[in-house]
Amino acid sequence: MKKSIGDNIFPENMSFAQGLETLKRSGYDGIELWLGDRPWFQMSTTDAQLRELRDQIHAAGLEVSDIANSLDWKQNVSSREPVKREAAVQHIRRQIEAAQIFNCDAILVVAGVVNSTTPYNEVYNRCLESMRSLGKDAASAKVKIGVENCCSEQKFLLSPREFKTFLDEVNNPWVGIHLDVGNIHDTGFAEQWIEMLGPQITRIHVKDVLVHRGRCGEESVYTNIFLGNNNWRAIRDAMTKVGYDGWLIAEMEARYHYAPDQQIYDTAAALNRVISGNV
């Protein structure tokens, strides 16, 4: 397996070049790029500018593990507003284009946000339609769409069986699940999701979770690897059982208050332990 972490972990005063240098020095194999999160990668970023980023990444001895998306929460394919749905389609297509530029074969999307005004059945049907359509783009580009499981935040696809049914109904090998082992905290157990969805996993996000905390304002339930309640031995065993040998991508929400770059090093060391199975 290879280890990666998102460019959204870079402290605010750290440049892209400095971030790449830090990742390489701390032992990562790649970087996850977040469309819409940092100034160097926005919808307005040109192909030429993306190629410059690609060259910097390769010069640093790194790869792009996947292209993620911070825009889906405000502009989602499940929205009742046609303008927002179309915007969501466009930024997912841009992810696919960017993946091709970065020689990467996977993107991450958040498909479906259920709330009091947008009920589950509507969200399901719109997401199904959009993933079937975008799956054709993905197949043509040979870039896999990984639909992330953000169960609590989305109120959508809350169980592994639900998620598998959704993917089976999309019925496209280029659309799978970008499985986040932290996001399952109040809807099941990550190791069971891995076993049930194994062949359909495109990438795995890695973080820990404090299952008894619950969100309160800006307080996060998510924490550093090995500090929470995930059963890491069971998770690692499940990866072995399904033959997952792809990217492990750290996604940290809670951040160090001091020496923020140290979190990058500490997370790399934790990923090494997960990969080695020495947990």
Protein backbone atom coordinates (compact mmCIF):
# COMPACT_ATOMS: atom_id res chain seq x y z
CA MET A 1 0.00 0.00 0.00
CA LYS A 2 1.00 3.63 -0.50
CA LYS A 3 0.33 6.53 1.83
CA SER A 4 -0.98 9.98 1.01
CA ILE A 5 -2.50 13.01 2.70
CA GLY A 6 -4.53 15.97 1.43
CA ASP A 7 -3.02 19.34 0.57
CA ASN A 8 -5.64 20.80 2.93
CA ILE A 9 -3.39 19.69 5.81
CA PHE A 10 -0.82 22.32 4.86
CA PRO A 11 -0.74 25.15 7.43
CA GLU A 12 -2.07 28.44 6.07
CA ASN A 13 1.39 30.01 5.87
CA MET A 14 2.89 27.05 4.00
CA SER A 15 3.31 27.32 0.23
CA PHE A 16 2.55 24.45 -2.12
CA ALA A 17 6.25 23.87 -2.74
CA GLN A 18 6.99 23.86 0.99
CA GLY A 19 4.13 21.45 1.54
CA LEU A 20 5.47 19.03 -1.06
CA GLU A 21 8.91 19.18 0.52
CA THR A 22 7.40 18.41 3.93
CA LEU A 23 5.43 15.46 2.57
CA LYS A 24 8.49 13.95 0.92
CA ARG A 25 10.63 14.50 4.00
CA SER A 26 8.05 12.80 6.21
CA GLY A 27 7.84 9.77 3.94
CA TYR A 28 4.59 10.07 1.97
CA ASP A 29 4.25 8.53 -1.46
CA GLY A 30 1.62 10.93 -2.72
CA ILE A 31 -0.72 13.84 -2.20
CA GLU A 32 -4.50 14.18 -2.38
CA LEU A 33 -5.46 17.43 -4.13
CA TRP A 34 -8.64 19.22 -3.03
CA LEU A 35 -10.51 21.16 -5.71
CA GLY A 36 -11.87 24.39 -4.27
CA ASP A 37 -9.99 24.27 -0.98
CA ARG A 38 -6.67 25.97 -1.64
CA PRO A 39 -5.81 28.87 -3.98
CA TRP A 40 -3.62 26.74 -6.23
CA PHE A 41 -6.53 24.47 -7.27
CA GLN A 42 -9.83 26.19 -8.05
CA MET A 43 -12.37 25.86 -10.83
CA SER A 44 -10.62 28.83 -12.46
CA THR A 45 -7.23 27.08 -12.46
CA THR A 46 -6.19 26.45 -16.06
CA ASP A 47 -4.87 23.22 -17.54
CA ALA A 48 -1.47 24.86 -17.95
CA GLN A 49 -1.41 25.77 -14.26
CA LEU A 50 -2.39 22.22 -13.33
CA ARG A 51 0.47 20.89 -15.44
CA GLU A 52 2.83 23.17 -13.52
CA LEU A 53 1.53 21.70 -10.25
CA ARG A 54 1.96 18.21 -11.69
CA ASP A 55 5.57 18.93 -12.58
CA GLN A 56 6.25 20.25 -9.07
CA ILE A 57 4.70 17.12 -7.55
CA HIS A 58 6.75 14.80 -9.73
CA ALA A 59 9.93 16.81 -9.11
CA ALA A 60 9.33 16.29 -5.38
CA GLY A 61 9.21 12.54 -5.97
CA LEU A 62 5.47 12.25 -5.24
CA GLU A 63 2.34 11.09 -7.05
CA VAL A 64 -1.25 12.31 -6.94
CA SER A 65 -3.29 9.67 -5.12
CA ASP A 66 -6.67 11.16 -6.05
CA ILE A 67 -8.56 14.38 -6.74
CA ALA A 68 -10.98 15.32 -3.96
CA ASN A 69 -13.66 18.01 -3.92
CA SER A 70 -14.63 20.56 -1.27
CA LEU A 71 -17.38 22.11 -3.42
CA ASP A 72 -19.93 19.29 -3.17
CA TRP A 73 -21.39 20.45 0.12
CA LYS A 74 -22.77 23.71 -1.29
CA GLN A 75 -23.34 22.53 -4.85
CA ASN A 76 -24.46 18.92 -4.82
CA VAL A 77 -25.83 16.64 -7.51
CA SER A 78 -28.80 15.96 -5.21
CA SER A 79 -29.86 19.61 -4.86
CA ARG A 80 -33.41 20.65 -5.72
CA GLU A 81 -31.96 23.68 -7.51
CA PRO A 82 -31.04 22.91 -11.15
CA VAL A 83 -28.31 25.57 -11.11
CA LYS A 84 -26.57 23.91 -8.16
CA ARG A 85 -26.94 20.45 -9.70
CA GLU A 86 -25.36 21.63 -12.94
CA ALA A 87 -22.53 23.33 -11.03
CA ALA A 88 -21.90 20.04 -9.20
CA VAL A 89 -21.75 18.14 -12.48
CA GLN A 90 -19.27 20.65 -13.85
CA HIS A 91 -16.88 20.47 -10.92
CA ILE A 92 -16.98 16.65 -10.97
CA ARG A 93 -16.15 16.74 -14.68
CA ARG A 94 -13.32 19.12 -13.87
CA GLN A 95 -12.03 16.61 -11.32
CA ILE A 96 -11.99 13.95 -14.01
CA GLU A 97 -10.09 16.27 -16.37
CA ALA A 98 -7.62 17.14 -13.62
CA ALA A 99 -7.09 13.47 -12.79
CA GLN A 100 -6.07 12.85 -16.39
CA ILE A 101 -3.62 15.75 -16.25
CA PHE A 102 -2.14 14.41 -13.00
CA ASN A 103 -1.92 10.82 -14.33
CA CYS A 104 -4.27 9.73 -11.58
CA ASP A 105 -7.12 7.23 -11.89
CA ALA A 106 -9.51 8.23 -9.08
CA ILE A 107 -11.56 11.14 -7.79
CA LEU A 108 -13.60 11.65 -4.63
CA VAL A 109 -17.13 13.08 -4.65
CA VAL A 110 -19.82 13.65 -2.04
CA ALA A 111 -23.04 12.57 -3.72
CA GLY A 112 -26.21 13.28 -1.79
CA VAL A 113 -27.09 15.52 1.13
CA VAL A 114 -30.35 14.79 2.94
CA ASN A 115 -31.93 17.52 5.07
CA SER A 116 -35.33 18.69 6.28
CA THR A 117 -36.20 20.21 2.89
CA THR A 118 -34.60 17.61 0.62
CA PRO A 119 -35.89 14.14 1.54
CA TYR A 120 -34.02 10.89 1.19
CA ASN A 121 -35.93 9.45 -1.77
CA GLU A 122 -35.39 12.59 -3.85
CA VAL A 123 -31.70 12.60 -3.00
CA TYR A 124 -31.33 8.92 -3.85
CA ASN A 125 -32.98 9.23 -7.25
CA ARG A 126 -31.01 12.34 -8.25
CA CYS A 127 -27.74 10.79 -7.11
CA LEU A 128 -28.47 7.58 -8.98
CA GLU A 129 -29.22 9.50 -12.16
CA SER A 130 -26.14 11.72 -11.86
CA MET A 131 -23.73 8.86 -11.08
CA ARG A 132 -25.06 6.86 -14.02
CA SER A 133 -24.47 9.84 -16.28
CA LEU A 134 -21.09 10.87 -14.86
CA GLY A 135 -20.02 7.24 -14.83
CA LYS A 136 -19.96 7.38 -18.62
CA ASP A 137 -17.50 10.30 -18.44
CA ALA A 138 -15.44 8.35 -15.92
CA ALA A 139 -15.35 5.23 -18.09
CA SER A 140 -14.30 7.24 -21.14
CA ALA A 141 -11.51 8.92 -19.17
CA LYS A 142 -10.56 5.71 -17.30
CA VAL A 143 -10.88 7.59 -14.00
CA LYS A 144 -12.84 6.00 -11.15
CA ILE A 145 -15.44 8.04 -9.28
CA GLY A 146 -15.24 7.24 -5.58
CA VAL A 147 -18.45 8.26 -3.77
CA GLU A 148 -17.45 9.02 -0.20
CA ASN A 149 -19.42 7.75 2.77
CA CYS A 150 -20.11 10.79 4.97
CA CYS A 151 -22.93 9.01 6.75
CA SER A 152 -23.65 11.34 9.66
CA GLU A 153 -23.09 14.55 7.77
CA GLN A 154 -25.09 13.50 4.70
CA LYS A 155 -27.82 11.47 6.46
CA PHE A 156 -27.53 9.27 3.37
CA LEU A 157 -26.48 5.69 2.51
CA LEU A 158 -26.13 4.88 6.18
CA SER A 159 -25.24 1.18 6.02
CA PRO A 160 -22.86 -0.91 3.91
CA ARG A 161 -25.79 -2.82 2.41
CA GLU A 162 -27.47 0.47 1.43
CA PHE A 163 -24.27 1.70 -0.17
CA LYS A 164 -23.73 -1.56 -2.03
CA THR A 165 -27.31 -1.49 -3.34
CA PHE A 166 -26.74 2.06 -4.60
CA LEU A 167 -23.51 1.12 -6.40
CA ASP A 168 -25.09 -2.01 -7.84
CA GLU A 169 -27.94 0.11 -9.22
CA VAL A 170 -25.46 2.56 -10.75
CA ASN A 171 -24.02 -0.59 -12.34
CA ASN A 172 -20.76 0.88 -13.60
CA PRO A 173 -17.33 -0.49 -12.59
CA TRP A 174 -15.98 3.06 -12.85
CA VAL A 175 -18.19 4.21 -9.95
CA GLY A 176 -17.32 2.85 -6.50
CA ILE A 177 -16.88 3.94 -2.90
CA HIS A 178 -14.12 6.13 -1.50
CA LEU A 179 -14.38 4.51 1.92
CA ASP A 180 -13.64 6.65 4.97
CA VAL A 181 -13.03 4.49 8.05
CA GLY A 182 -13.73 7.40 10.41
CA ASN A 183 -17.09 8.42 8.97
CA ILE A 184 -18.83 5.22 10.07
CA HIS A 185 -18.74 6.08 13.76
CA ASP A 186 -22.48 6.04 14.52
CA THR A 187 -23.75 3.79 11.73
CA GLY A 188 -21.69 0.63 12.08
CA PHE A 189 -18.14 -0.66 11.98
CA ALA A 190 -15.52 0.22 9.39
CA GLU A 191 -14.17 -3.31 9.11
CA GLN A 192 -17.63 -4.59 8.15
CA TRP A 193 -17.96 -1.94 5.44
CA ILE A 194 -14.58 -2.97 4.03
CA GLU A 195 -15.54 -6.65 3.92
CA MET A 196 -18.89 -5.98 2.26
CA LEU A 197 -17.71 -3.41 -0.28
CA GLY A 198 -14.15 -4.64 -0.90
CA PRO A 199 -14.12 -4.94 -4.72
CA GLN A 200 -15.93 -1.61 -5.08
CA ILE A 201 -13.47 0.40 -2.93
CA THR A 202 -11.56 2.97 -5.00
CA ARG A 203 -9.53 4.55 -2.16
CA ILE A 204 -9.54 4.52 1.66
CA HIS A 205 -9.55 7.64 3.82
CA VAL A 206 -7.91 7.13 7.19
CA LYS A 207 -8.67 8.95 10.42
CA ASP A 208 -9.88 8.04 13.90
CA VAL A 209 -13.11 8.93 15.65
CA LEU A 210 -14.33 9.51 19.19
CA VAL A 211 -17.64 7.67 19.09
CA HIS A 212 -18.95 8.97 22.42
CA ARG A 213 -18.33 12.64 21.77
CA GLY A 214 -20.86 13.74 19.16
CA ARG A 215 -20.61 17.08 17.40
CA CYS A 216 -21.12 20.24 19.42
CA GLY A 217 -20.62 23.48 17.52
CA GLU A 218 -17.16 23.38 15.99
CA GLU A 219 -16.00 20.47 18.16
CA SER A 220 -15.08 17.52 15.98
CA VAL A 221 -15.72 13.84 16.57
CA TYR A 222 -12.69 13.09 14.40
CA THR A 223 -9.18 12.76 15.78
CA ASN A 224 -5.70 11.46 15.03
CA ILE A 225 -5.09 7.85 14.06
CA PHE A 226 -4.94 5.53 17.12
CA LEU A 227 -6.38 8.18 19.45
CA GLY A 228 -10.03 7.27 18.93
CA ASN A 229 -12.27 4.22 19.01
CA ASN A 230 -11.66 2.61 15.62
CA ASN A 231 -10.66 -1.06 15.86
CA TRP A 232 -7.46 -0.78 13.85
CA ARG A 233 -6.53 -4.45 14.04
CA ALA A 234 -9.94 -5.42 12.65
CA ILE A 235 -9.74 -2.71 9.98
CA ARG A 236 -6.29 -3.86 8.87
CA ASP A 237 -7.39 -7.50 8.85
CA ALA A 238 -10.42 -6.59 6.72
CA MET A 239 -8.16 -4.88 4.17
CA THR A 240 -6.10 -8.05 3.94
CA LYS A 241 -9.21 -10.22 3.65
CA VAL A 242 -10.59 -8.30 0.65
CA GLY A 243 -7.15 -7.87 -0.93
CA TYR A 244 -7.06 -4.08 -0.70
CA ASP A 245 -3.56 -2.92 -1.63
CA GLY A 246 -4.24 0.63 -2.80
CA TRP A 247 -3.76 4.09 -1.39
CA LEU A 248 -4.32 4.94 2.28
CA ILE A 249 -5.06 8.66 2.43
CA ALA A 250 -5.03 10.46 5.76
CA GLU A 251 -7.78 13.05 6.24
CA MET A 252 -7.33 14.98 9.45
CA GLU A 253 -10.09 17.29 10.66
CA ALA A 254 -8.84 18.20 14.14
CA ARG A 255 -5.58 20.11 13.78
CA TYR A 256 -2.60 20.73 16.01
CA HIS A 257 -2.79 24.11 17.72
CA TYR A 258 1.00 24.44 17.75
CA ALA A 259 3.73 23.10 15.45
CA PRO A 260 1.08 22.25 12.81
CA ASP A 261 3.62 20.68 10.46
CA GLN A 262 4.33 18.07 13.13
CA GLN A 263 0.90 16.57 12.48
CA ILE A 264 2.05 15.68 8.96
CA TYR A 265 5.02 13.74 10.34
CA ASP A 266 3.03 12.05 13.10
CA THR A 267 0.30 10.98 10.68
CA ALA A 268 2.88 9.48 8.32
CA ALA A 269 4.27 7.40 11.19
CA ALA A 270 0.76 6.20 12.09
CA LEU A 271 0.05 5.24 8.47
CA ASN A 272 3.27 3.22 8.45
CA ARG A 273 1.98 1.22 11.41
CA VAL A 274 -1.36 0.59 9.70
CA ILE A 275 0.33 -0.54 6.49
CA SER A 276 2.75 -2.83 8.34
CA GLY A 277 -0.10 -4.35 10.35
CA ASN A 278 1.80 -3.60 13.55
CA VAL A 279 -1.23 -2.28 15.40
